[in-house]
């Protein structure tokens, strides 16, 4: 009798879901219950929260730019892992292609750096 190869993956997903449900449901029971005004306020990086307009305030574009830069370099790292694993099989062609890829990302990084996209004002 053979076991379906997806059974361990499904089992791991079920185990993860059960752990998440258990953690979320047990936290209100075993967690501390000492509420005060400071704990109920919104947290803004250690400073006093600024009052927001009724319709919501404008969100600085700098946060979005930082998030997009993070995603770009995160995707670069995701491409580097499979390349490193199969480096021996790819040979010189794979090496040249990865050098060109890293060079392209480095040019984009240099452009953002020179334009001040990494300065947090």
N, C-alpha and C. Protein backbone atom coordinates (compact mmCIF):
# COMPACT_ATOMS: atom_id res chain seq x y z
N UNK A 1 0.85 -1.19 0.00
CA UNK A 1 0.00 0.00 0.00
C UNK A 1 0.89 1.24 0.00
N UNK A 2 0.67 2.14 -0.95
CA UNK A 2 1.47 3.35 -1.03
C UNK A 2 0.68 4.53 -0.46
N UNK A 3 1.44 5.43 0.09
CA UNK A 3 0.85 6.63 0.68
C UNK A 3 0.96 7.77 -0.33
N UNK A 4 -0.09 8.53 -0.44
CA UNK A 4 -0.09 9.68 -1.33
C UNK A 4 1.01 10.65 -0.89
N UNK A 5 1.82 11.17 -1.81
CA UNK A 5 2.92 12.06 -1.40
C UNK A 5 2.45 13.39 -0.82
N UNK A 6 1.20 13.74 -0.97
CA UNK A 6 0.69 15.01 -0.43
C UNK A 6 0.19 14.89 1.00
N UNK A 7 0.13 13.67 1.53
CA UNK A 7 -0.38 13.48 2.89
C UNK A 7 0.47 14.23 3.92
N UNK A 8 1.81 14.20 3.87
CA UNK A 8 2.58 14.98 4.85
C UNK A 8 2.34 16.48 4.75
N UNK A 9 2.16 16.99 3.54
CA UNK A 9 1.93 18.42 3.36
C UNK A 9 0.58 18.82 3.95
N UNK A 10 -0.44 18.02 3.67
CA UNK A 10 -1.77 18.30 4.22
C UNK A 10 -1.74 18.19 5.75
N UNK A 11 -1.01 17.18 6.25
CA UNK A 11 -0.88 17.04 7.70
C UNK A 11 -0.21 18.24 8.34
N UNK A 12 0.83 18.76 7.69
CA UNK A 12 1.52 19.94 8.22
C UNK A 12 0.61 21.16 8.19
N UNK A 13 -0.17 21.32 7.13
CA UNK A 13 -1.12 22.44 7.07
C UNK A 13 -2.17 22.34 8.17
N UNK A 14 -2.68 21.14 8.39
CA UNK A 14 -3.67 20.94 9.46
C UNK A 14 -3.06 21.23 10.81
N UNK A 15 -1.82 20.75 11.04
CA UNK A 15 -1.15 21.01 12.31
C UNK A 15 -0.93 22.51 12.52
N UNK A 16 -0.53 23.22 11.46
CA UNK A 16 -0.34 24.68 11.57
C UNK A 16 -1.64 25.40 11.86
N UNK A 17 -2.72 24.99 11.20
CA UNK A 17 -4.02 25.62 11.44
C UNK A 17 -4.49 25.37 12.87
N UNK A 18 -4.31 24.14 13.36
CA UNK A 18 -4.71 23.83 14.73
C UNK A 18 -3.89 24.65 15.74
N UNK A 19 -2.61 24.79 15.50
CA UNK A 19 -1.79 25.58 16.40
C UNK A 19 -2.23 27.05 16.40
N UNK A 20 -2.53 27.59 15.21
CA UNK A 20 -2.97 28.98 15.12
C UNK A 20 -4.31 29.17 15.85
N UNK A 21 -5.25 28.28 15.62
CA UNK A 21 -6.54 28.38 16.31
C UNK A 21 -6.39 28.24 17.82
N UNK A 22 -5.55 27.33 18.26
CA UNK A 22 -5.32 27.16 19.68
C UNK A 22 -4.70 28.42 20.28
N UNK A 23 -3.72 28.99 19.61
CA UNK A 23 -3.04 30.19 20.14
C UNK A 23 -4.00 31.38 20.23
N UNK A 24 -4.81 31.56 19.21
CA UNK A 24 -5.74 32.69 19.22
C UNK A 24 -6.84 32.50 20.26
N UNK A 25 -7.31 31.27 20.42
CA UNK A 25 -8.42 31.06 21.36
C UNK A 25 -7.96 31.02 22.81
N UNK A 26 -6.72 30.63 23.09
CA UNK A 26 -6.28 30.54 24.48
C UNK A 26 -5.70 31.88 25.00
N UNK A 27 -5.29 32.76 24.10
CA UNK A 27 -4.66 34.01 24.51
C UNK A 27 -5.56 34.88 25.40
N UNK A 28 -6.84 35.07 25.09
CA UNK A 28 -7.66 35.89 25.99
C UNK A 28 -7.87 35.25 27.37
N UNK A 29 -7.74 33.96 27.46
CA UNK A 29 -7.97 33.28 28.74
C UNK A 29 -6.76 33.39 29.64
N UNK A 30 -5.57 33.14 29.11
CA UNK A 30 -4.37 33.12 29.94
C UNK A 30 -3.61 34.44 29.94
N UNK A 31 -3.98 35.38 29.08
CA UNK A 31 -3.27 36.66 29.00
C UNK A 31 -3.61 37.59 30.14
N UNK A 32 -2.77 38.61 30.39
CA UNK A 32 -3.05 39.57 31.47
C UNK A 32 -4.24 40.45 31.12
N UNK A 33 -4.94 40.89 32.15
CA UNK A 33 -6.16 41.70 31.97
C UNK A 33 -6.04 43.03 32.71
N UNK A 34 -4.91 43.72 32.58
CA UNK A 34 -4.72 45.01 33.23
C UNK A 34 -4.78 46.10 32.18
N UNK A 35 -5.97 46.56 31.88
CA UNK A 35 -6.14 47.57 30.84
C UNK A 35 -6.03 48.96 31.44
N UNK A 36 -5.43 49.86 30.70
CA UNK A 36 -5.41 51.27 31.06
C UNK A 36 -5.44 52.09 29.77
N UNK A 37 -5.47 53.40 29.89
CA UNK A 37 -5.61 54.27 28.73
C UNK A 37 -4.44 54.11 27.76
N UNK A 38 -3.24 53.97 28.28
CA UNK A 38 -2.06 53.87 27.41
C UNK A 38 -2.08 52.59 26.58
N UNK A 39 -2.56 51.50 27.16
CA UNK A 39 -2.59 50.23 26.42
C UNK A 39 -3.68 50.21 25.36
N UNK A 40 -4.73 50.98 25.56
CA UNK A 40 -5.83 50.99 24.60
C UNK A 40 -5.61 51.98 23.46
N UNK A 41 -4.64 52.90 23.60
CA UNK A 41 -4.35 53.87 22.54
C UNK A 41 -3.58 53.20 21.40
N UNK A 42 -3.66 53.82 20.24
CA UNK A 42 -2.88 53.34 19.09
C UNK A 42 -1.40 53.61 19.35
N UNK A 43 -0.55 52.70 18.90
CA UNK A 43 0.89 52.85 19.11
C UNK A 43 1.53 53.41 17.84
N UNK A 44 2.23 54.54 17.99
CA UNK A 44 2.89 55.16 16.85
C UNK A 44 4.36 55.36 17.16
N UNK A 45 5.13 54.32 17.14
CA UNK A 45 6.59 54.37 17.27
C UNK A 45 7.05 55.08 18.54
N UNK A 46 6.36 54.94 19.63
CA UNK A 46 6.80 55.51 20.88
C UNK A 46 6.45 56.96 21.11
N UNK A 47 5.76 57.60 20.17
CA UNK A 47 5.36 58.99 20.35
C UNK A 47 3.86 59.05 20.61
N UNK A 48 3.44 60.18 21.09
CA UNK A 48 2.01 60.34 21.34
C UNK A 48 1.24 60.32 20.02
N UNK A 49 0.15 59.57 19.95
CA UNK A 49 -0.62 59.52 18.69
C UNK A 49 -1.20 60.88 18.35
N UNK A 50 -1.08 61.24 17.09
CA UNK A 50 -1.63 62.51 16.62
C UNK A 50 -3.09 62.30 16.25
N UNK A 51 -3.95 63.27 16.56
CA UNK A 51 -5.35 63.11 16.18
C UNK A 51 -5.50 63.10 14.66
N UNK A 52 -6.34 62.22 14.15
CA UNK A 52 -6.55 62.07 12.72
C UNK A 52 -7.84 62.77 12.31
N UNK A 53 -7.89 63.28 11.08
CA UNK A 53 -9.14 63.86 10.59
C UNK A 53 -10.23 62.79 10.51
N UNK A 54 -11.47 63.24 10.40
CA UNK A 54 -12.61 62.33 10.40
C UNK A 54 -12.53 61.35 9.24
N UNK A 55 -12.19 61.80 8.06
CA UNK A 55 -12.13 60.92 6.89
C UNK A 55 -10.83 60.15 6.78
N UNK A 56 -9.94 60.27 7.74
CA UNK A 56 -8.64 59.63 7.66
C UNK A 56 -7.62 60.60 7.08
N UNK A 57 -6.42 60.52 7.55
CA UNK A 57 -5.38 61.44 7.09
C UNK A 57 -4.62 60.89 5.90
N UNK A 58 -3.81 61.74 5.32
CA UNK A 58 -2.97 61.31 4.21
C UNK A 58 -1.81 60.49 4.76
N UNK A 59 -1.49 59.43 4.07
CA UNK A 59 -0.39 58.56 4.47
C UNK A 59 0.82 58.92 3.64
N UNK A 60 1.98 59.15 4.26
CA UNK A 60 3.16 59.56 3.49
C UNK A 60 3.55 58.50 2.45
N UNK A 61 3.92 58.96 1.28
CA UNK A 61 4.31 58.07 0.18
C UNK A 61 5.60 57.34 0.53
N UNK A 62 6.40 57.90 1.41
CA UNK A 62 7.68 57.30 1.78
C UNK A 62 7.50 55.87 2.29
N UNK A 63 6.41 55.59 3.00
CA UNK A 63 6.17 54.24 3.49
C UNK A 63 5.97 53.27 2.33
N UNK A 64 5.24 53.69 1.32
CA UNK A 64 5.00 52.82 0.16
C UNK A 64 6.28 52.57 -0.61
N UNK A 65 7.10 53.62 -0.77
CA UNK A 65 8.36 53.46 -1.48
C UNK A 65 9.29 52.50 -0.76
N UNK A 66 9.34 52.61 0.57
CA UNK A 66 10.17 51.69 1.34
C UNK A 66 9.66 50.27 1.20
N UNK A 67 8.36 50.08 1.22
CA UNK A 67 7.80 48.74 1.06
C UNK A 67 8.12 48.16 -0.31
N UNK A 68 8.03 48.99 -1.35
CA UNK A 68 8.34 48.49 -2.70
C UNK A 68 9.81 48.14 -2.84
N UNK A 69 10.69 48.94 -2.23
CA UNK A 69 12.12 48.60 -2.26
C UNK A 69 12.38 47.30 -1.54
N UNK A 70 11.74 47.10 -0.42
CA UNK A 70 11.90 45.85 0.32
C UNK A 70 11.45 44.67 -0.55
N UNK A 71 10.34 44.81 -1.23
CA UNK A 71 9.84 43.72 -2.07
C UNK A 71 10.80 43.43 -3.21
N UNK A 72 11.38 44.46 -3.80
CA UNK A 72 12.33 44.25 -4.90
C UNK A 72 13.53 43.44 -4.42
N UNK A 73 14.11 43.82 -3.28
CA UNK A 73 15.28 43.11 -2.81
C UNK A 73 14.92 41.75 -2.22
N UNK A 74 13.71 41.60 -1.75
CA UNK A 74 13.24 40.30 -1.29
C UNK A 74 13.10 39.34 -2.47
N UNK A 75 12.58 39.83 -3.58
CA UNK A 75 12.45 38.99 -4.77
C UNK A 75 13.83 38.62 -5.31
N UNK A 76 14.78 39.54 -5.21
CA UNK A 76 16.14 39.20 -5.63
C UNK A 76 16.68 38.04 -4.81
N UNK A 77 16.46 38.07 -3.51
CA UNK A 77 16.92 36.98 -2.66
C UNK A 77 16.22 35.68 -3.01
N UNK A 78 14.94 35.75 -3.33
CA UNK A 78 14.21 34.54 -3.71
C UNK A 78 14.79 33.94 -4.99
N UNK A 79 15.25 34.76 -5.92
CA UNK A 79 15.87 34.24 -7.14
C UNK A 79 17.27 33.69 -6.87
N UNK A 80 17.96 34.20 -5.86
CA UNK A 80 19.31 33.73 -5.59
C UNK A 80 19.35 32.32 -5.00
N UNK A 81 18.37 31.93 -4.21
CA UNK A 81 18.39 30.61 -3.58
C UNK A 81 18.35 29.46 -4.59
N UNK A 82 17.41 29.41 -5.52
CA UNK A 82 17.43 28.29 -6.47
C UNK A 82 18.66 28.32 -7.37
N UNK A 83 19.15 29.50 -7.68
CA UNK A 83 20.36 29.58 -8.49
C UNK A 83 21.55 28.98 -7.74
N UNK A 84 21.65 29.28 -6.44
CA UNK A 84 22.76 28.74 -5.66
C UNK A 84 22.66 27.22 -5.54
N UNK A 85 21.45 26.69 -5.46
CA UNK A 85 21.28 25.25 -5.34
C UNK A 85 21.68 24.54 -6.63
N UNK A 86 21.33 25.12 -7.77
CA UNK A 86 21.61 24.46 -9.04
C UNK A 86 22.80 25.09 -9.77
N UNK A 87 23.70 25.73 -9.04
CA UNK A 87 24.83 26.42 -9.65
C UNK A 87 25.71 25.48 -10.46
N UNK A 88 25.96 24.29 -9.93
CA UNK A 88 26.82 23.32 -10.62
C UNK A 88 26.24 22.87 -11.95
N UNK A 89 24.94 22.71 -12.03
CA UNK A 89 24.31 22.24 -13.26
C UNK A 89 24.19 23.35 -14.31
N UNK A 90 24.15 24.60 -13.88
CA UNK A 90 23.96 25.70 -14.82
C UNK A 90 25.25 26.09 -15.55
N UNK A 91 26.37 25.92 -14.90
CA UNK A 91 27.64 26.22 -15.53
C UNK A 91 27.87 27.70 -15.74
N UNK A 92 28.65 28.01 -16.77
CA UNK A 92 29.03 29.40 -17.05
C UNK A 92 27.83 30.24 -17.46
N UNK A 93 26.89 29.64 -18.20
CA UNK A 93 25.70 30.38 -18.63
C UNK A 93 24.91 30.89 -17.42
N UNK A 94 24.68 30.02 -16.43
CA UNK A 94 23.96 30.42 -15.22
C UNK A 94 24.69 31.49 -14.45
N UNK A 95 26.03 31.40 -14.42
CA UNK A 95 26.82 32.41 -13.71
C UNK A 95 26.69 33.77 -14.39
N UNK A 96 26.81 33.81 -15.71
CA UNK A 96 26.71 35.07 -16.44
C UNK A 96 25.31 35.67 -16.28
N UNK A 97 24.29 34.84 -16.37
CA UNK A 97 22.92 35.34 -16.21
C UNK A 97 22.70 35.93 -14.82
N UNK A 98 23.23 35.29 -13.78
CA UNK A 98 23.04 35.82 -12.42
C UNK A 98 23.84 37.09 -12.22
N UNK A 99 25.02 37.17 -12.82
CA UNK A 99 25.80 38.42 -12.72
C UNK A 99 25.03 39.56 -13.38
N UNK A 100 24.43 39.31 -14.53
CA UNK A 100 23.64 40.34 -15.20
C UNK A 100 22.42 40.73 -14.36
N UNK A 101 21.78 39.74 -13.74
CA UNK A 101 20.62 40.03 -12.89
C UNK A 101 21.02 40.88 -11.70
N UNK A 102 22.10 40.50 -11.01
CA UNK A 102 22.54 41.26 -9.84
C UNK A 102 23.00 42.66 -10.26
N UNK A 103 23.65 42.77 -11.42
CA UNK A 103 24.07 44.07 -11.92
C UNK A 103 22.87 44.97 -12.19
N UNK A 104 21.81 44.40 -12.75
CA UNK A 104 20.59 45.17 -13.01
C UNK A 104 19.96 45.67 -11.70
N UNK A 105 19.88 44.80 -10.72
CA UNK A 105 19.32 45.21 -9.43
C UNK A 105 20.22 46.24 -8.75
N UNK A 106 21.53 46.07 -8.88
CA UNK A 106 22.46 47.03 -8.28
C UNK A 106 22.33 48.40 -8.94
N UNK A 107 22.12 48.45 -10.24
CA UNK A 107 21.91 49.73 -10.93
C UNK A 107 20.64 50.40 -10.40
N UNK A 108 19.57 49.62 -10.21
CA UNK A 108 18.33 50.18 -9.65
C UNK A 108 18.56 50.68 -8.23
N UNK A 109 19.31 49.92 -7.44
CA UNK A 109 19.62 50.32 -6.07
C UNK A 109 20.42 51.63 -6.05
N UNK A 110 21.41 51.73 -6.93
CA UNK A 110 22.22 52.95 -7.01
C UNK A 110 21.36 54.14 -7.43
N UNK A 111 20.46 53.93 -8.36
CA UNK A 111 19.56 55.00 -8.79
C UNK A 111 18.71 55.49 -7.62
N UNK A 112 18.12 54.56 -6.89
CA UNK A 112 17.27 54.95 -5.75
C UNK A 112 18.11 55.64 -4.69
N UNK A 113 19.30 55.16 -4.45
CA UNK A 113 20.18 55.76 -3.45
C UNK A 113 20.56 57.18 -3.84
N UNK A 114 20.93 57.40 -5.12
CA UNK A 114 21.32 58.73 -5.58
C UNK A 114 20.15 59.71 -5.57
N UNK A 115 18.94 59.21 -5.79
CA UNK A 115 17.76 60.07 -5.80
C UNK A 115 17.24 60.36 -4.40
N UNK A 116 17.86 59.76 -3.37
CA UNK A 116 17.46 60.01 -1.98
C UNK A 116 16.30 59.15 -1.51
N UNK A 117 16.03 58.05 -2.18
CA UNK A 117 14.92 57.19 -1.79
C UNK A 117 15.17 56.42 -0.51
N UNK A 118 16.43 56.34 -0.08
CA UNK A 118 16.74 55.60 1.14
C UNK A 118 16.90 56.51 2.35
N UNK A 119 16.81 57.82 2.15
CA UNK A 119 16.89 58.78 3.27
C UNK A 119 15.53 58.88 3.94
N UNK A 120 15.52 58.71 5.24
CA UNK A 120 14.26 58.79 5.99
C UNK A 120 14.18 60.14 6.68
N UNK A 121 13.41 61.04 6.12
CA UNK A 121 13.31 62.41 6.66
C UNK A 121 12.29 62.50 7.76
